[in-house]
mmCIF file of all heavy atoms, coordinates in Angstrom:
data_MODEL
# 
_entry.id   MODEL 
# 
loop_
_atom_site.group_PDB 
_atom_site.id 
_atom_site.type_symbol 
_atom_site.label_atom_id 
_atom_site.label_alt_id 
_atom_site.label_comp_id 
_atom_site.label_asym_id 
_atom_site.label_entity_id 
_atom_site.label_seq_id 
_atom_site.pdbx_PDB_ins_code 
_atom_site.Cartn_x 
_atom_site.Cartn_y 
_atom_site.Cartn_z 
_atom_site.occupancy 
_atom_site.B_iso_or_equiv 
_atom_site.pdbx_formal_charge 
_atom_site.auth_seq_id 
_atom_site.auth_comp_id 
_atom_site.auth_asym_id 
_atom_site.auth_atom_id 
_atom_site.pdbx_PDB_model_num 
ATOM 1   N N   . LEU A 1 1  ? 101.152 101.308 108.349 1.00 0.00 ? 1  LEU A N   1 
ATOM 2   C CA  . LEU A 1 1  ? 102.351 102.200 108.478 1.00 0.00 ? 1  LEU A CA  1 
ATOM 3   C C   . LEU A 1 1  ? 102.412 103.076 107.262 1.00 0.00 ? 1  LEU A C   1 
ATOM 4   O O   . LEU A 1 1  ? 102.358 102.584 106.133 1.00 0.00 ? 1  LEU A O   1 
ATOM 5   C CB  . LEU A 1 1  ? 103.555 101.284 108.616 1.00 0.00 ? 1  LEU A CB  1 
ATOM 6   C CG  . LEU A 1 1  ? 103.628 100.256 109.744 1.00 0.00 ? 1  LEU A CG  1 
ATOM 7   C CD1 . LEU A 1 1  ? 104.812 99.339  109.572 1.00 0.00 ? 1  LEU A CD1 1 
ATOM 8   C CD2 . LEU A 1 1  ? 103.666 101.033 111.083 1.00 0.00 ? 1  LEU A CD2 1 
ATOM 9   N N   . VAL A 1 2  ? 102.558 104.320 107.496 1.00 0.00 ? 2  VAL A N   1 
ATOM 10  C CA  . VAL A 1 2  ? 102.599 105.334 106.420 1.00 0.00 ? 2  VAL A CA  1 
ATOM 11  C C   . VAL A 1 2  ? 103.939 106.129 106.590 1.00 0.00 ? 2  VAL A C   1 
ATOM 12  O O   . VAL A 1 2  ? 104.063 106.920 107.535 1.00 0.00 ? 2  VAL A O   1 
ATOM 13  C CB  . VAL A 1 2  ? 101.380 106.275 106.404 1.00 0.00 ? 2  VAL A CB  1 
ATOM 14  C CG1 . VAL A 1 2  ? 101.535 107.239 105.249 1.00 0.00 ? 2  VAL A CG1 1 
ATOM 15  C CG2 . VAL A 1 2  ? 100.151 105.435 106.269 1.00 0.00 ? 2  VAL A CG2 1 
ATOM 16  N N   . GLU A 1 3  ? 104.765 105.958 105.662 1.00 0.00 ? 3  GLU A N   1 
ATOM 17  C CA  . GLU A 1 3  ? 106.056 106.778 105.659 1.00 0.00 ? 3  GLU A CA  1 
ATOM 18  C C   . GLU A 1 3  ? 105.828 108.077 104.868 1.00 0.00 ? 3  GLU A C   1 
ATOM 19  O O   . GLU A 1 3  ? 105.073 108.139 103.897 1.00 0.00 ? 3  GLU A O   1 
ATOM 20  C CB  . GLU A 1 3  ? 107.178 105.918 104.991 1.00 0.00 ? 3  GLU A CB  1 
ATOM 21  C CG  . GLU A 1 3  ? 107.434 104.557 105.644 1.00 0.00 ? 3  GLU A CG  1 
ATOM 22  C CD  . GLU A 1 3  ? 106.749 103.406 104.944 1.00 0.00 ? 3  GLU A CD  1 
ATOM 23  O OE1 . GLU A 1 3  ? 105.733 103.662 104.237 1.00 0.00 ? 3  GLU A OE1 1 
ATOM 24  O OE2 . GLU A 1 3  ? 107.179 102.267 105.140 1.00 0.00 ? 3  GLU A OE2 1 
ATOM 25  N N   . SER A 1 4  ? 106.578 109.065 105.318 1.00 0.00 ? 4  SER A N   1 
ATOM 26  C CA  . SER A 1 4  ? 106.528 110.368 104.643 1.00 0.00 ? 4  SER A CA  1 
ATOM 27  C C   . SER A 1 4  ? 107.789 111.127 104.982 1.00 0.00 ? 4  SER A C   1 
ATOM 28  O O   . SER A 1 4  ? 108.593 110.720 105.840 1.00 0.00 ? 4  SER A O   1 
ATOM 29  C CB  . SER A 1 4  ? 105.288 111.174 105.078 1.00 0.00 ? 4  SER A CB  1 
ATOM 30  O OG  . SER A 1 4  ? 105.352 111.455 106.448 1.00 0.00 ? 4  SER A OG  1 
ATOM 31  N N   . GLY A 1 5  ? 108.017 112.213 104.267 1.00 0.00 ? 5  GLY A N   1 
ATOM 32  C CA  . GLY A 1 5  ? 109.150 113.082 104.530 1.00 0.00 ? 5  GLY A CA  1 
ATOM 33  C C   . GLY A 1 5  ? 110.286 112.972 103.555 1.00 0.00 ? 5  GLY A C   1 
ATOM 34  O O   . GLY A 1 5  ? 111.236 113.772 103.687 1.00 0.00 ? 5  GLY A O   1 
ATOM 35  N N   . GLY A 1 6  ? 110.231 112.073 102.653 1.00 0.00 ? 6  GLY A N   1 
ATOM 36  C CA  . GLY A 1 6  ? 111.268 111.904 101.666 1.00 0.00 ? 6  GLY A CA  1 
ATOM 37  C C   . GLY A 1 6  ? 111.303 113.072 100.677 1.00 0.00 ? 6  GLY A C   1 
ATOM 38  O O   . GLY A 1 6  ? 110.354 113.859 100.654 1.00 0.00 ? 6  GLY A O   1 
ATOM 39  N N   . GLY A 1 7  ? 112.356 113.159 99.901  1.00 0.00 ? 7  GLY A N   1 
ATOM 40  C CA  . GLY A 1 7  ? 112.435 114.225 98.929  1.00 0.00 ? 7  GLY A CA  1 
ATOM 41  C C   . GLY A 1 7  ? 113.806 114.249 98.261  1.00 0.00 ? 7  GLY A C   1 
ATOM 42  O O   . GLY A 1 7  ? 114.602 113.347 98.424  1.00 0.00 ? 7  GLY A O   1 
ATOM 43  N N   . LEU A 1 8  ? 114.055 115.291 97.546  1.00 0.00 ? 8  LEU A N   1 
ATOM 44  C CA  . LEU A 1 8  ? 115.347 115.471 96.827  1.00 0.00 ? 8  LEU A CA  1 
ATOM 45  C C   . LEU A 1 8  ? 116.165 116.510 97.540  1.00 0.00 ? 8  LEU A C   1 
ATOM 46  O O   . LEU A 1 8  ? 115.716 117.640 97.784  1.00 0.00 ? 8  LEU A O   1 
ATOM 47  C CB  . LEU A 1 8  ? 115.064 115.866 95.317  1.00 0.00 ? 8  LEU A CB  1 
ATOM 48  C CG  . LEU A 1 8  ? 116.279 116.261 94.499  1.00 0.00 ? 8  LEU A CG  1 
ATOM 49  C CD1 . LEU A 1 8  ? 117.184 115.049 94.358  1.00 0.00 ? 8  LEU A CD1 1 
ATOM 50  C CD2 . LEU A 1 8  ? 115.824 116.767 93.142  1.00 0.00 ? 8  LEU A CD2 1 
ATOM 51  N N   . VAL A 1 9  ? 117.389 116.101 97.916  1.00 0.00 ? 9  VAL A N   1 
ATOM 52  C CA  . VAL A 1 9  ? 118.237 117.061 98.589  1.00 0.00 ? 9  VAL A CA  1 
ATOM 53  C C   . VAL A 1 9  ? 119.650 116.945 98.025  1.00 0.00 ? 9  VAL A C   1 
ATOM 54  O O   . VAL A 1 9  ? 120.006 115.897 97.435  1.00 0.00 ? 9  VAL A O   1 
ATOM 55  C CB  . VAL A 1 9  ? 118.263 116.771 100.119 1.00 0.00 ? 9  VAL A CB  1 
ATOM 56  C CG1 . VAL A 1 9  ? 116.891 116.993 100.754 1.00 0.00 ? 9  VAL A CG1 1 
ATOM 57  C CG2 . VAL A 1 9  ? 118.741 115.378 100.411 1.00 0.00 ? 9  VAL A CG2 1 
ATOM 58  N N   . GLN A 1 10 ? 120.429 117.969 98.238  1.00 0.00 ? 10 GLN A N   1 
ATOM 59  C CA  . GLN A 1 10 ? 121.812 117.981 97.876  1.00 0.00 ? 10 GLN A CA  1 
ATOM 60  C C   . GLN A 1 10 ? 122.647 117.221 98.946  1.00 0.00 ? 10 GLN A C   1 
ATOM 61  O O   . GLN A 1 10 ? 122.243 117.130 100.110 1.00 0.00 ? 10 GLN A O   1 
ATOM 62  C CB  . GLN A 1 10 ? 122.379 119.317 97.665  1.00 0.00 ? 10 GLN A CB  1 
ATOM 63  C CG  . GLN A 1 10 ? 121.822 120.077 96.447  1.00 0.00 ? 10 GLN A CG  1 
ATOM 64  C CD  . GLN A 1 10 ? 122.515 121.394 96.274  1.00 0.00 ? 10 GLN A CD  1 
ATOM 65  O OE1 . GLN A 1 10 ? 122.724 122.167 97.134  1.00 0.00 ? 10 GLN A OE1 1 
ATOM 66  N NE2 . GLN A 1 10 ? 122.893 121.629 95.028  1.00 0.00 ? 10 GLN A NE2 1 
ATOM 67  N N   . ALA A 1 11 ? 123.811 116.675 98.543  1.00 0.00 ? 11 ALA A N   1 
ATOM 68  C CA  . ALA A 1 11 ? 124.685 116.072 99.476  1.00 0.00 ? 11 ALA A CA  1 
ATOM 69  C C   . ALA A 1 11 ? 124.993 117.020 100.592 1.00 0.00 ? 11 ALA A C   1 
ATOM 70  O O   . ALA A 1 11 ? 125.214 118.247 100.429 1.00 0.00 ? 11 ALA A O   1 
ATOM 71  C CB  . ALA A 1 11 ? 125.966 115.663 98.777  1.00 0.00 ? 11 ALA A CB  1 
ATOM 72  N N   . GLY A 1 12 ? 124.963 116.520 101.798 1.00 0.00 ? 12 GLY A N   1 
ATOM 73  C CA  . GLY A 1 12 ? 125.202 117.337 103.002 1.00 0.00 ? 12 GLY A CA  1 
ATOM 74  C C   . GLY A 1 12 ? 123.946 117.858 103.621 1.00 0.00 ? 12 GLY A C   1 
ATOM 75  O O   . GLY A 1 12 ? 123.965 118.435 104.703 1.00 0.00 ? 12 GLY A O   1 
ATOM 76  N N   . GLY A 1 13 ? 122.836 117.666 102.948 1.00 0.00 ? 13 GLY A N   1 
ATOM 77  C CA  . GLY A 1 13 ? 121.522 118.209 103.406 1.00 0.00 ? 13 GLY A CA  1 
ATOM 78  C C   . GLY A 1 13 ? 120.899 117.253 104.425 1.00 0.00 ? 13 GLY A C   1 
ATOM 79  O O   . GLY A 1 13 ? 121.482 116.211 104.803 1.00 0.00 ? 13 GLY A O   1 
ATOM 80  N N   . SER A 1 14 ? 119.750 117.661 104.911 1.00 0.00 ? 14 SER A N   1 
ATOM 81  C CA  . SER A 1 14 ? 119.056 116.899 105.923 1.00 0.00 ? 14 SER A CA  1 
ATOM 82  C C   . SER A 1 14 ? 117.583 116.652 105.536 1.00 0.00 ? 14 SER A C   1 
ATOM 83  O O   . SER A 1 14 ? 116.951 117.405 104.822 1.00 0.00 ? 14 SER A O   1 
ATOM 84  C CB  . SER A 1 14 ? 119.076 117.657 107.235 1.00 0.00 ? 14 SER A CB  1 
ATOM 85  O OG  . SER A 1 14 ? 120.383 117.863 107.675 1.00 0.00 ? 14 SER A OG  1 
ATOM 86  N N   . LEU A 1 15 ? 117.037 115.567 106.064 1.00 0.00 ? 15 LEU A N   1 
ATOM 87  C CA  . LEU A 1 15 ? 115.613 115.255 105.940 1.00 0.00 ? 15 LEU A CA  1 
ATOM 88  C C   . LEU A 1 15 ? 115.153 114.572 107.220 1.00 0.00 ? 15 LEU A C   1 
ATOM 89  O O   . LEU A 1 15 ? 115.978 113.899 107.888 1.00 0.00 ? 15 LEU A O   1 
ATOM 90  C CB  . LEU A 1 15 ? 115.348 114.394 104.783 1.00 0.00 ? 15 LEU A CB  1 
ATOM 91  C CG  . LEU A 1 15 ? 115.437 114.936 103.337 1.00 0.00 ? 15 LEU A CG  1 
ATOM 92  C CD1 . LEU A 1 15 ? 115.314 113.743 102.364 1.00 0.00 ? 15 LEU A CD1 1 
ATOM 93  C CD2 . LEU A 1 15 ? 114.283 115.883 103.135 1.00 0.00 ? 15 LEU A CD2 1 
ATOM 94  N N   . ARG A 1 16 ? 113.930 114.698 107.520 1.00 0.00 ? 16 ARG A N   1 
ATOM 95  C CA  . ARG A 1 16 ? 113.332 113.929 108.639 1.00 0.00 ? 16 ARG A CA  1 
ATOM 96  C C   . ARG A 1 16 ? 112.148 113.120 108.097 1.00 0.00 ? 16 ARG A C   1 
ATOM 97  O O   . ARG A 1 16 ? 111.224 113.676 107.667 1.00 0.00 ? 16 ARG A O   1 
ATOM 98  C CB  . ARG A 1 16 ? 112.853 114.813 109.804 1.00 0.00 ? 16 ARG A CB  1 
ATOM 99  C CG  . ARG A 1 16 ? 112.433 113.954 111.029 1.00 0.00 ? 16 ARG A CG  1 
ATOM 100 C CD  . ARG A 1 16 ? 112.078 114.830 112.219 1.00 0.00 ? 16 ARG A CD  1 
ATOM 101 N NE  . ARG A 1 16 ? 110.758 115.353 112.182 1.00 0.00 ? 16 ARG A NE  1 
ATOM 102 C CZ  . ARG A 1 16 ? 110.090 115.752 113.261 1.00 0.00 ? 16 ARG A CZ  1 
ATOM 103 N NH1 . ARG A 1 16 ? 110.609 115.674 114.496 1.00 0.00 ? 16 ARG A NH1 1 
ATOM 104 N NH2 . ARG A 1 16 ? 108.903 116.294 113.109 1.00 0.00 ? 16 ARG A NH2 1 
ATOM 105 N N   . LEU A 1 17 ? 112.328 111.808 108.174 1.00 0.00 ? 17 LEU A N   1 
ATOM 106 C CA  . LEU A 1 17 ? 111.291 110.929 107.762 1.00 0.00 ? 17 LEU A CA  1 
ATOM 107 C C   . LEU A 1 17 ? 110.347 110.611 108.973 1.00 0.00 ? 17 LEU A C   1 
ATOM 108 O O   . LEU A 1 17 ? 110.785 110.494 110.080 1.00 0.00 ? 17 LEU A O   1 
ATOM 109 C CB  . LEU A 1 17 ? 111.876 109.589 107.275 1.00 0.00 ? 17 LEU A CB  1 
ATOM 110 C CG  . LEU A 1 17 ? 112.987 109.756 106.145 1.00 0.00 ? 17 LEU A CG  1 
ATOM 111 C CD1 . LEU A 1 17 ? 113.406 108.385 105.642 1.00 0.00 ? 17 LEU A CD1 1 
ATOM 112 C CD2 . LEU A 1 17 ? 112.453 110.633 105.015 1.00 0.00 ? 17 LEU A CD2 1 
ATOM 113 N N   . SER A 1 18 ? 109.111 110.405 108.645 1.00 0.00 ? 18 SER A N   1 
ATOM 114 C CA  . SER A 1 18 ? 108.109 110.035 109.647 1.00 0.00 ? 18 SER A CA  1 
ATOM 115 C C   . SER A 1 18 ? 107.444 108.716 109.301 1.00 0.00 ? 18 SER A C   1 
ATOM 116 O O   . SER A 1 18 ? 107.238 108.424 108.127 1.00 0.00 ? 18 SER A O   1 
ATOM 117 C CB  . SER A 1 18 ? 107.098 111.140 109.812 1.00 0.00 ? 18 SER A CB  1 
ATOM 118 O OG  . SER A 1 18 ? 107.678 112.340 110.212 1.00 0.00 ? 18 SER A OG  1 
ATOM 119 N N   . CYS A 1 19 ? 107.137 107.998 110.322 1.00 0.00 ? 19 CYS A N   1 
ATOM 120 C CA  . CYS A 1 19 ? 106.375 106.690 110.091 1.00 0.00 ? 19 CYS A CA  1 
ATOM 121 C C   . CYS A 1 19 ? 105.202 106.700 111.066 1.00 0.00 ? 19 CYS A C   1 
ATOM 122 O O   . CYS A 1 19 ? 105.454 106.563 112.281 1.00 0.00 ? 19 CYS A O   1 
ATOM 123 C CB  . CYS A 1 19 ? 107.255 105.462 110.414 1.00 0.00 ? 19 CYS A CB  1 
ATOM 124 S SG  . CYS A 1 19 ? 106.413 103.910 110.285 1.00 0.00 ? 19 CYS A SG  1 
ATOM 125 N N   . ALA A 1 20 ? 104.002 106.947 110.541 1.00 0.00 ? 20 ALA A N   1 
ATOM 126 C CA  . ALA A 1 20 ? 102.858 107.018 111.426 1.00 0.00 ? 20 ALA A CA  1 
ATOM 127 C C   . ALA A 1 20 ? 102.162 105.613 111.461 1.00 0.00 ? 20 ALA A C   1 
ATOM 128 O O   . ALA A 1 20 ? 101.875 105.006 110.408 1.00 0.00 ? 20 ALA A O   1 
ATOM 129 C CB  . ALA A 1 20 ? 101.853 108.025 110.827 1.00 0.00 ? 20 ALA A CB  1 
ATOM 130 N N   . ALA A 1 21 ? 101.925 105.151 112.603 1.00 0.00 ? 21 ALA A N   1 
ATOM 131 C CA  . ALA A 1 21 ? 101.358 103.808 112.775 1.00 0.00 ? 21 ALA A CA  1 
ATOM 132 C C   . ALA A 1 21 ? 99.854  103.937 113.243 1.00 0.00 ? 21 ALA A C   1 
ATOM 133 O O   . ALA A 1 21 ? 99.509  104.852 113.960 1.00 0.00 ? 21 ALA A O   1 
ATOM 134 C CB  . ALA A 1 21 ? 102.114 103.033 113.850 1.00 0.00 ? 21 ALA A CB  1 
ATOM 135 N N   . SER A 1 22 ? 99.085  103.006 112.817 1.00 0.00 ? 22 SER A N   1 
ATOM 136 C CA  . SER A 1 22 ? 97.680  102.914 113.234 1.00 0.00 ? 22 SER A CA  1 
ATOM 137 C C   . SER A 1 22 ? 97.294  101.472 113.292 1.00 0.00 ? 22 SER A C   1 
ATOM 138 O O   . SER A 1 22 ? 98.044  100.637 112.767 1.00 0.00 ? 22 SER A O   1 
ATOM 139 C CB  . SER A 1 22 ? 96.756  103.718 112.358 1.00 0.00 ? 22 SER A CB  1 
ATOM 140 O OG  . SER A 1 22 ? 96.826  103.316 111.022 1.00 0.00 ? 22 SER A OG  1 
ATOM 141 N N   . GLY A 1 23 ? 96.122  101.177 113.779 1.00 0.00 ? 23 GLY A N   1 
ATOM 142 C CA  . GLY A 1 23 ? 95.655  99.839  113.902 1.00 0.00 ? 23 GLY A CA  1 
ATOM 143 C C   . GLY A 1 23 ? 96.072  99.146  115.187 1.00 0.00 ? 23 GLY A C   1 
ATOM 144 O O   . GLY A 1 23 ? 96.103  99.780  116.222 1.00 0.00 ? 23 GLY A O   1 
ATOM 145 N N   . ARG A 1 24 ? 96.386  97.868  115.128 1.00 0.00 ? 24 ARG A N   1 
ATOM 146 C CA  . ARG A 1 24 ? 96.751  97.156  116.302 1.00 0.00 ? 24 ARG A CA  1 
ATOM 147 C C   . ARG A 1 24 ? 97.859  97.844  117.095 1.00 0.00 ? 24 ARG A C   1 
ATOM 148 O O   . ARG A 1 24 ? 98.830  98.302  116.519 1.00 0.00 ? 24 ARG A O   1 
ATOM 149 C CB  . ARG A 1 24 ? 97.176  95.733  115.986 1.00 0.00 ? 24 ARG A CB  1 
ATOM 150 C CG  . ARG A 1 24 ? 97.533  94.899  117.172 1.00 0.00 ? 24 ARG A CG  1 
ATOM 151 C CD  . ARG A 1 24 ? 97.849  93.437  116.675 1.00 0.00 ? 24 ARG A CD  1 
ATOM 152 N NE  . ARG A 1 24 ? 98.992  93.326  115.827 1.00 0.00 ? 24 ARG A NE  1 
ATOM 153 C CZ  . ARG A 1 24 ? 100.313 93.339  116.207 1.00 0.00 ? 24 ARG A CZ  1 
ATOM 154 N NH1 . ARG A 1 24 ? 100.566 93.438  117.519 1.00 0.00 ? 24 ARG A NH1 1 
ATOM 155 N NH2 . ARG A 1 24 ? 101.253 93.241  115.344 1.00 0.00 ? 24 ARG A NH2 1 
ATOM 156 N N   . THR A 1 25 ? 97.709  97.861  118.381 1.00 0.00 ? 25 THR A N   1 
ATOM 157 C CA  . THR A 1 25 ? 98.691  98.528  119.208 1.00 0.00 ? 25 THR A CA  1 
ATOM 158 C C   . THR A 1 25 ? 99.922  97.632  119.369 1.00 0.00 ? 25 THR A C   1 
ATOM 159 O O   . THR A 1 25 ? 99.839  96.429  119.385 1.00 0.00 ? 25 THR A O   1 
ATOM 160 C CB  . THR A 1 25 ? 98.119  98.872  120.620 1.00 0.00 ? 25 THR A CB  1 
ATOM 161 O OG1 . THR A 1 25 ? 97.647  97.639  121.266 1.00 0.00 ? 25 THR A OG1 1 
ATOM 162 C CG2 . THR A 1 25 ? 96.914  99.814  120.519 1.00 0.00 ? 25 THR A CG2 1 
# 
């Protein structure tokens, strides 16, 4: 599992995090 998409934002802002899976189904 690989998480990505984090960052620094101001209050009220938006982010979209992703979790990419591989390996066993």
